[in-house]
Amino acid sequence: MLTRSSHHQKRLFSTTSGAIWTGRNKALHDGIHQSMLEMVQFIKAYLSGWDKVNSRIPWQRIEEE
């Protein structure tokens, strides 16, 4: 499904999928419901933090094969 997607699209898809799954589990098991805005804010903050960490790594990573 994601074989022809860009690295950015793959990261966004996997992060969004994880956030949806975690939100579902919180709602189901803990009774905590997130709004869509809260989920989008989490995804943006997570990806931003990930970019900051990767920019500090001294070696070069391979984005695309």
PDB file of N, CA and C in Angstrom:
ATOM      1  N   MET A   1       0.818  -1.195   0.000  1.00  0.00           N
ATOM      2  CA  MET A   1       0.000   0.000   0.000  1.00  0.00           C
ATOM      3  C   MET A   1       0.868   1.268   0.000  1.00  0.00           C
ATOM      4  N   LEU A   2       1.963   1.241   0.757  1.00  0.00           N
ATOM      5  CA  LEU A   2       2.790   2.440   0.858  1.00  0.00           C
ATOM      6  C   LEU A   2       4.094   2.331   0.077  1.00  0.00           C
ATOM      7  N   THR A   3       4.196   1.379  -0.815  1.00  0.00           N
ATOM      8  CA  THR A   3       5.465   1.161  -1.503  1.00  0.00           C
ATOM      9  C   THR A   3       5.889   2.345  -2.362  1.00  0.00           C
ATOM     10  N   ARG A   4       4.962   3.093  -2.922  1.00  0.00           N
ATOM     11  CA  ARG A   4       5.314   4.221  -3.779  1.00  0.00           C
ATOM     12  C   ARG A   4       5.141   5.571  -3.085  1.00  0.00           C
ATOM     13  N   SER A   5       4.864   5.535  -1.805  1.00  0.00           N
ATOM     14  CA  SER A   5       4.666   6.776  -1.060  1.00  0.00           C
ATOM     15  C   SER A   5       6.019   7.377  -0.676  1.00  0.00           C
ATOM     16  N   SER A   6       6.023   8.670  -0.469  1.00  0.00           N
ATOM     17  CA  SER A   6       7.246   9.338  -0.048  1.00  0.00           C
ATOM     18  C   SER A   6       7.518   9.023   1.423  1.00  0.00           C
ATOM     19  N   HIS A   7       8.728   9.287   1.843  1.00  0.00           N
ATOM     20  CA  HIS A   7       9.114   9.079   3.243  1.00  0.00           C
ATOM     21  C   HIS A   7       8.197   9.881   4.167  1.00  0.00           C
ATOM     22  N   HIS A   8       7.917  11.116   3.809  1.00  0.00           N
ATOM     23  CA  HIS A   8       7.044  11.978   4.614  1.00  0.00           C
ATOM     24  C   HIS A   8       5.646  11.362   4.749  1.00  0.00           C
ATOM     25  N   GLN A   9       5.102  10.862   3.665  1.00  0.00           N
ATOM     26  CA  GLN A   9       3.765  10.268   3.694  1.00  0.00           C
ATOM     27  C   GLN A   9       3.736   9.012   4.569  1.00  0.00           C
ATOM     28  N   LYS A  10       4.795   8.216   4.506  1.00  0.00           N
ATOM     29  CA  LYS A  10       4.868   7.012   5.325  1.00  0.00           C
ATOM     30  C   LYS A  10       4.931   7.365   6.808  1.00  0.00           C
ATOM     31  N   ARG A  11       5.741   8.370   7.146  1.00  0.00           N
ATOM     32  CA  ARG A  11       5.839   8.806   8.543  1.00  0.00           C
ATOM     33  C   ARG A  11       4.505   9.337   9.037  1.00  0.00           C
ATOM     34  N   LEU A  12       3.854  10.147   8.224  1.00  0.00           N
ATOM     35  CA  LEU A  12       2.570  10.725   8.599  1.00  0.00           C
ATOM     36  C   LEU A  12       1.520   9.629   8.776  1.00  0.00           C
ATOM     37  N   PHE A  13       1.491   8.671   7.862  1.00  0.00           N
ATOM     38  CA  PHE A  13       0.527   7.572   7.947  1.00  0.00           C
ATOM     39  C   PHE A  13       0.746   6.744   9.208  1.00  0.00           C
ATOM     40  N   SER A  14       1.997   6.358   9.464  1.00  0.00           N
ATOM     41  CA  SER A  14       2.261   5.497  10.617  1.00  0.00           C
ATOM     42  C   SER A  14       2.022   6.235  11.934  1.00  0.00           C
ATOM     43  N   THR A  15       2.379   7.508  12.010  1.00  0.00           N
ATOM     44  CA  THR A  15       2.148   8.292  13.225  1.00  0.00           C
ATOM     45  C   THR A  15       0.660   8.501  13.456  1.00  0.00           C
ATOM     46  N   THR A  16      -0.070   8.807  12.390  1.00  0.00           N
ATOM     47  CA  THR A  16      -1.515   9.012  12.510  1.00  0.00           C
ATOM     48  C   THR A  16      -2.210   7.714  12.908  1.00  0.00           C
ATOM     49  N   SER A  17      -1.808   6.611  12.312  1.00  0.00           N
ATOM     50  CA  SER A  17      -2.396   5.314  12.672  1.00  0.00           C
ATOM     51  C   SER A  17      -2.160   4.998  14.142  1.00  0.00           C
ATOM     52  N   GLY A  18      -0.950   5.233  14.605  1.00  0.00           N
ATOM     53  CA  GLY A  18      -0.630   4.994  16.007  1.00  0.00           C
ATOM     54  C   GLY A  18      -1.423   5.890  16.939  1.00  0.00           C
ATOM     55  N   ALA A  19      -1.584   7.154  16.561  1.00  0.00           N
ATOM     56  CA  ALA A  19      -2.348   8.090  17.386  1.00  0.00           C
ATOM     57  C   ALA A  19      -3.826   7.698  17.448  1.00  0.00           C
ATOM     58  N   ILE A  20      -4.376   7.271  16.338  1.00  0.00           N
ATOM     59  CA  ILE A  20      -5.774   6.827  16.319  1.00  0.00           C
ATOM     60  C   ILE A  20      -5.948   5.589  17.190  1.00  0.00           C
ATOM     61  N   TRP A  21      -5.030   4.643  17.070  1.00  0.00           N
ATOM     62  CA  TRP A  21      -5.119   3.407  17.843  1.00  0.00           C
ATOM     63  C   TRP A  21      -4.982   3.709  19.344  1.00  0.00           C
ATOM     64  N   THR A  22      -4.034   4.559  19.707  1.00  0.00           N
ATOM     65  CA  THR A  22      -3.848   4.930  21.107  1.00  0.00           C
ATOM     66  C   THR A  22      -5.074   5.665  21.633  1.00  0.00           C
ATOM     67  N   GLY A  23      -5.634   6.568  20.835  1.00  0.00           N
ATOM     68  CA  GLY A  23      -6.842   7.288  21.227  1.00  0.00           C
ATOM     69  C   GLY A  23      -8.010   6.350  21.436  1.00  0.00           C
ATOM     70  N   ARG A  24      -8.118   5.362  20.572  1.00  0.00           N
ATOM     71  CA  ARG A  24      -9.175   4.360  20.706  1.00  0.00           C
ATOM     72  C   ARG A  24      -9.022   3.578  22.002  1.00  0.00           C
ATOM     73  N   ASN A  25      -7.780   3.162  22.296  1.00  0.00           N
ATOM     74  CA  ASN A  25      -7.535   2.405  23.527  1.00  0.00           C
ATOM     75  C   ASN A  25      -7.814   3.242  24.767  1.00  0.00           C
ATOM     76  N   LYS A  26      -7.420   4.509  24.754  1.00  0.00           N
ATOM     77  CA  LYS A  26      -7.703   5.393  25.891  1.00  0.00           C
ATOM     78  C   LYS A  26      -9.207   5.549  26.102  1.00  0.00           C
ATOM     79  N   ALA A  27      -9.941   5.699  25.015  1.00  0.00           N
ATOM     80  CA  ALA A  27     -11.394   5.857  25.112  1.00  0.00           C
ATOM     81  C   ALA A  27     -12.041   4.570  25.621  1.00  0.00           C
ATOM     82  N   LEU A  28     -11.597   3.443  25.095  1.00  0.00           N
ATOM     83  CA  LEU A  28     -12.197   2.162  25.437  1.00  0.00           C
ATOM     84  C   LEU A  28     -11.859   1.721  26.860  1.00  0.00           C
ATOM     85  N   HIS A  29     -10.591   1.838  27.229  1.00  0.00           N
ATOM     86  CA  HIS A  29     -10.139   1.286  28.507  1.00  0.00           C
ATOM     87  C   HIS A  29     -10.118   2.295  29.659  1.00  0.00           C
ATOM     88  N   ASP A  30      -9.887   3.565  29.352  1.00  0.00           N
ATOM     89  CA  ASP A  30      -9.748   4.563  30.406  1.00  0.00           C
ATOM     90  C   ASP A  30     -10.878   5.583  30.428  1.00  0.00           C
ATOM     91  N   GLY A  31     -11.720   5.570  29.417  1.00  0.00           N
ATOM     92  CA  GLY A  31     -12.811   6.540  29.345  1.00  0.00           C
ATOM     93  C   GLY A  31     -12.355   7.944  29.002  1.00  0.00           C
ATOM     94  N   ILE A  32     -11.140   8.069  28.455  1.00  0.00           N
ATOM     95  CA  ILE A  32     -10.584   9.376  28.082  1.00  0.00           C
ATOM     96  C   ILE A  32     -10.796   9.575  26.587  1.00  0.00           C
ATOM     97  N   HIS A  33     -11.522  10.615  26.227  1.00  0.00           N
ATOM     98  CA  HIS A  33     -11.826  10.879  24.820  1.00  0.00           C
ATOM     99  C   HIS A  33     -11.068  12.118  24.356  1.00  0.00           C
ATOM    100  N   GLN A  34     -10.339  11.978  23.248  1.00  0.00           N
ATOM    101  CA  GLN A  34      -9.601  13.084  22.653  1.00  0.00           C
ATOM    102  C   GLN A  34     -10.426  13.686  21.524  1.00  0.00           C
ATOM    103  N   SER A  35     -10.345  15.004  21.420  1.00  0.00           N
ATOM    104  CA  SER A  35     -10.979  15.650  20.270  1.00  0.00           C
ATOM    105  C   SER A  35     -10.064  15.479  19.060  1.00  0.00           C
ATOM    106  N   MET A  36     -10.596  15.715  17.898  1.00  0.00           N
ATOM    107  CA  MET A  36      -9.802  15.627  16.678  1.00  0.00           C
ATOM    108  C   MET A  36      -8.663  16.645  16.721  1.00  0.00           C
ATOM    109  N   LEU A  37      -8.953  17.833  17.238  1.00  0.00           N
ATOM    110  CA  LEU A  37      -7.924  18.873  17.349  1.00  0.00           C
ATOM    111  C   LEU A  37      -6.776  18.410  18.241  1.00  0.00           C
ATOM    112  N   GLU A  38      -7.095  17.780  19.361  1.00  0.00           N
ATOM    113  CA  GLU A  38      -6.050  17.274  20.255  1.00  0.00           C
ATOM    114  C   GLU A  38      -5.199  16.218  19.570  1.00  0.00           C
ATOM    115  N   MET A  39      -5.830  15.368  18.784  1.00  0.00           N
ATOM    116  CA  MET A  39      -5.090  14.329  18.076  1.00  0.00           C
ATOM    117  C   MET A  39      -4.167  14.940  17.021  1.00  0.00           C
ATOM    118  N   VAL A  40      -4.663  15.919  16.284  1.00  0.00           N
ATOM    119  CA  VAL A  40      -3.837  16.583  15.268  1.00  0.00           C
ATOM    120  C   VAL A  40      -2.669  17.312  15.931  1.00  0.00           C
ATOM    121  N   GLN A  41      -2.922  17.969  17.056  1.00  0.00           N
ATOM    122  CA  GLN A  41      -1.849  18.659  17.778  1.00  0.00           C
ATOM    123  C   GLN A  41      -0.796  17.668  18.260  1.00  0.00           C
ATOM    124  N   PHE A  42      -1.231  16.504  18.745  1.00  0.00           N
ATOM    125  CA  PHE A  42      -0.285  15.477  19.177  1.00  0.00           C
ATOM    126  C   PHE A  42       0.577  15.012  18.007  1.00  0.00           C
ATOM    127  N   ILE A  43      -0.053  14.732  16.868  1.00  0.00           N
ATOM    128  CA  ILE A  43       0.681  14.240  15.697  1.00  0.00           C
ATOM    129  C   ILE A  43       1.717  15.269  15.240  1.00  0.00           C
ATOM    130  N   LYS A  44       1.320  16.522  15.173  1.00  0.00           N
ATOM    131  CA  LYS A  44       2.255  17.582  14.763  1.00  0.00           C
ATOM    132  C   LYS A  44       3.417  17.700  15.741  1.00  0.00           C
ATOM    133  N   ALA A  45       3.125  17.671  17.039  1.00  0.00           N
ATOM    134  CA  ALA A  45       4.176  17.791  18.053  1.00  0.00           C
ATOM    135  C   ALA A  45       5.105  16.579  18.012  1.00  0.00           C
ATOM    136  N   TYR A  46       4.552  15.407  17.837  1.00  0.00           N
ATOM    137  CA  TYR A  46       5.360  14.188  17.786  1.00  0.00           C
ATOM    138  C   TYR A  46       6.318  14.222  16.601  1.00  0.00           C
ATOM    139  N   LEU A  47       5.802  14.559  15.427  1.00  0.00           N
ATOM    140  CA  LEU A  47       6.653  14.606  14.231  1.00  0.00           C
ATOM    141  C   LEU A  47       7.694  15.712  14.326  1.00  0.00           C
ATOM    142  N   SER A  48       7.323  16.839  14.920  1.00  0.00           N
ATOM    143  CA  SER A  48       8.276  17.927  15.107  1.00  0.00           C
ATOM    144  C   SER A  48       9.406  17.499  16.045  1.00  0.00           C
ATOM    145  N   GLY A  49       9.048  16.839  17.124  1.00  0.00           N
ATOM    146  CA  GLY A  49      10.053  16.332  18.055  1.00  0.00           C
ATOM    147  C   GLY A  49      10.955  15.298  17.413  1.00  0.00           C
ATOM    148  N   TRP A  50      10.360  14.434  16.605  1.00  0.00           N
ATOM    149  CA  TRP A  50      11.135  13.414  15.890  1.00  0.00           C
ATOM    150  C   TRP A  50      12.142  14.070  14.947  1.00  0.00           C
ATOM    151  N   ASP A  51      11.719  15.112  14.245  1.00  0.00           N
ATOM    152  CA  ASP A  51      12.621  15.832  13.339  1.00  0.00           C
ATOM    153  C   ASP A  51      13.768  16.480  14.099  1.00  0.00           C
ATOM    154  N   LYS A  52      13.469  17.048  15.261  1.00  0.00           N
ATOM    155  CA  LYS A  52      14.526  17.678  16.072  1.00  0.00           C
ATOM    156  C   LYS A  52      15.554  16.656  16.518  1.00  0.00           C
ATOM    157  N   VAL A  53      15.101  15.511  16.976  1.00  0.00           N
ATOM    158  CA  VAL A  53      16.020  14.459  17.419  1.00  0.00           C
ATOM    159  C   VAL A  53      16.876  13.985  16.252  1.00  0.00           C
ATOM    160  N   ASN A  54      16.262  13.742  15.109  1.00  0.00           N
ATOM    161  CA  ASN A  54      17.013  13.254  13.952  1.00  0.00           C
ATOM    162  C   ASN A  54      18.000  14.273  13.420  1.00  0.00           C
ATOM    163  N   SER A  55      17.713  15.558  13.606  1.00  0.00           N
ATOM    164  CA  SER A  55      18.651  16.571  13.124  1.00  0.00           C
ATOM    165  C   SER A  55      19.895  16.647  14.010  1.00  0.00           C
ATOM    166  N   ARG A  56      19.827  16.096  15.204  1.00  0.00           N
ATOM    167  CA  ARG A  56      20.969  16.121  16.126  1.00  0.00           C
ATOM    168  C   ARG A  56      21.842  14.881  16.032  1.00  0.00           C
ATOM    169  N   ILE A  57      21.387  13.881  15.313  1.00  0.00           N
ATOM    170  CA  ILE A  57      22.157  12.650  15.171  1.00  0.00           C
ATOM    171  C   ILE A  57      23.336  12.931  14.244  1.00  0.00           C
ATOM    172  N   PRO A  58      24.551  12.556  14.653  1.00  0.00           N
ATOM    173  CA  PRO A  58      25.741  12.927  13.869  1.00  0.00           C
ATOM    174  C   PRO A  58      25.907  12.191  12.549  1.00  0.00           C
ATOM    175  N   TRP A  59      25.244  11.081  12.351  1.00  0.00           N
ATOM    176  CA  TRP A  59      25.383  10.375  11.080  1.00  0.00           C
ATOM    177  C   TRP A  59      24.210  10.687  10.161  1.00  0.00           C
ATOM    178  N   GLN A  60      24.417  10.455   8.900  1.00  0.00           N
ATOM    179  CA  GLN A  60      23.386  10.736   7.911  1.00  0.00           C
ATOM    180  C   GLN A  60      22.491   9.514   7.763  1.00  0.00           C
ATOM    181  N   ARG A  61      21.200   9.738   7.828  1.00  0.00           N
ATOM    182  CA  ARG A  61      20.283   8.606   7.657  1.00  0.00           C
ATOM    183  C   ARG A  61      19.793   8.555   6.222  1.00  0.00           C
ATOM    184  N   ILE A  62      19.368   7.391   5.802  1.00  0.00           N
ATOM    185  CA  ILE A  62      18.882   7.188   4.458  1.00  0.00           C
ATOM    186  C   ILE A  62      17.359   7.340   4.487  1.00  0.00           C
ATOM    187  N   GLU A  63      16.843   8.281   3.718  1.00  0.00           N
ATOM    188  CA  GLU A  63      15.408   8.564   3.700  1.00  0.00           C
ATOM    189  C   GLU A  63      14.681   7.685   2.703  1.00  0.00           C
ATOM    190  N   GLU A  64      15.250   7.468   1.574  1.00  0.00           N
ATOM    191  CA  GLU A  64      14.591   6.703   0.511  1.00  0.00           C
ATOM    192  C   GLU A  64      15.562   5.641   0.012  1.00  0.00           C
ATOM    193  N   GLU A  65      15.022   4.527  -0.381  1.00  0.00           N
ATOM    194  CA  GLU A  65      15.886   3.476  -0.953  1.00  0.00           C
ATOM    195  C   GLU A  65      15.775   3.482  -2.451  1.00  0.00           C
TER     196      GLU A  65
END
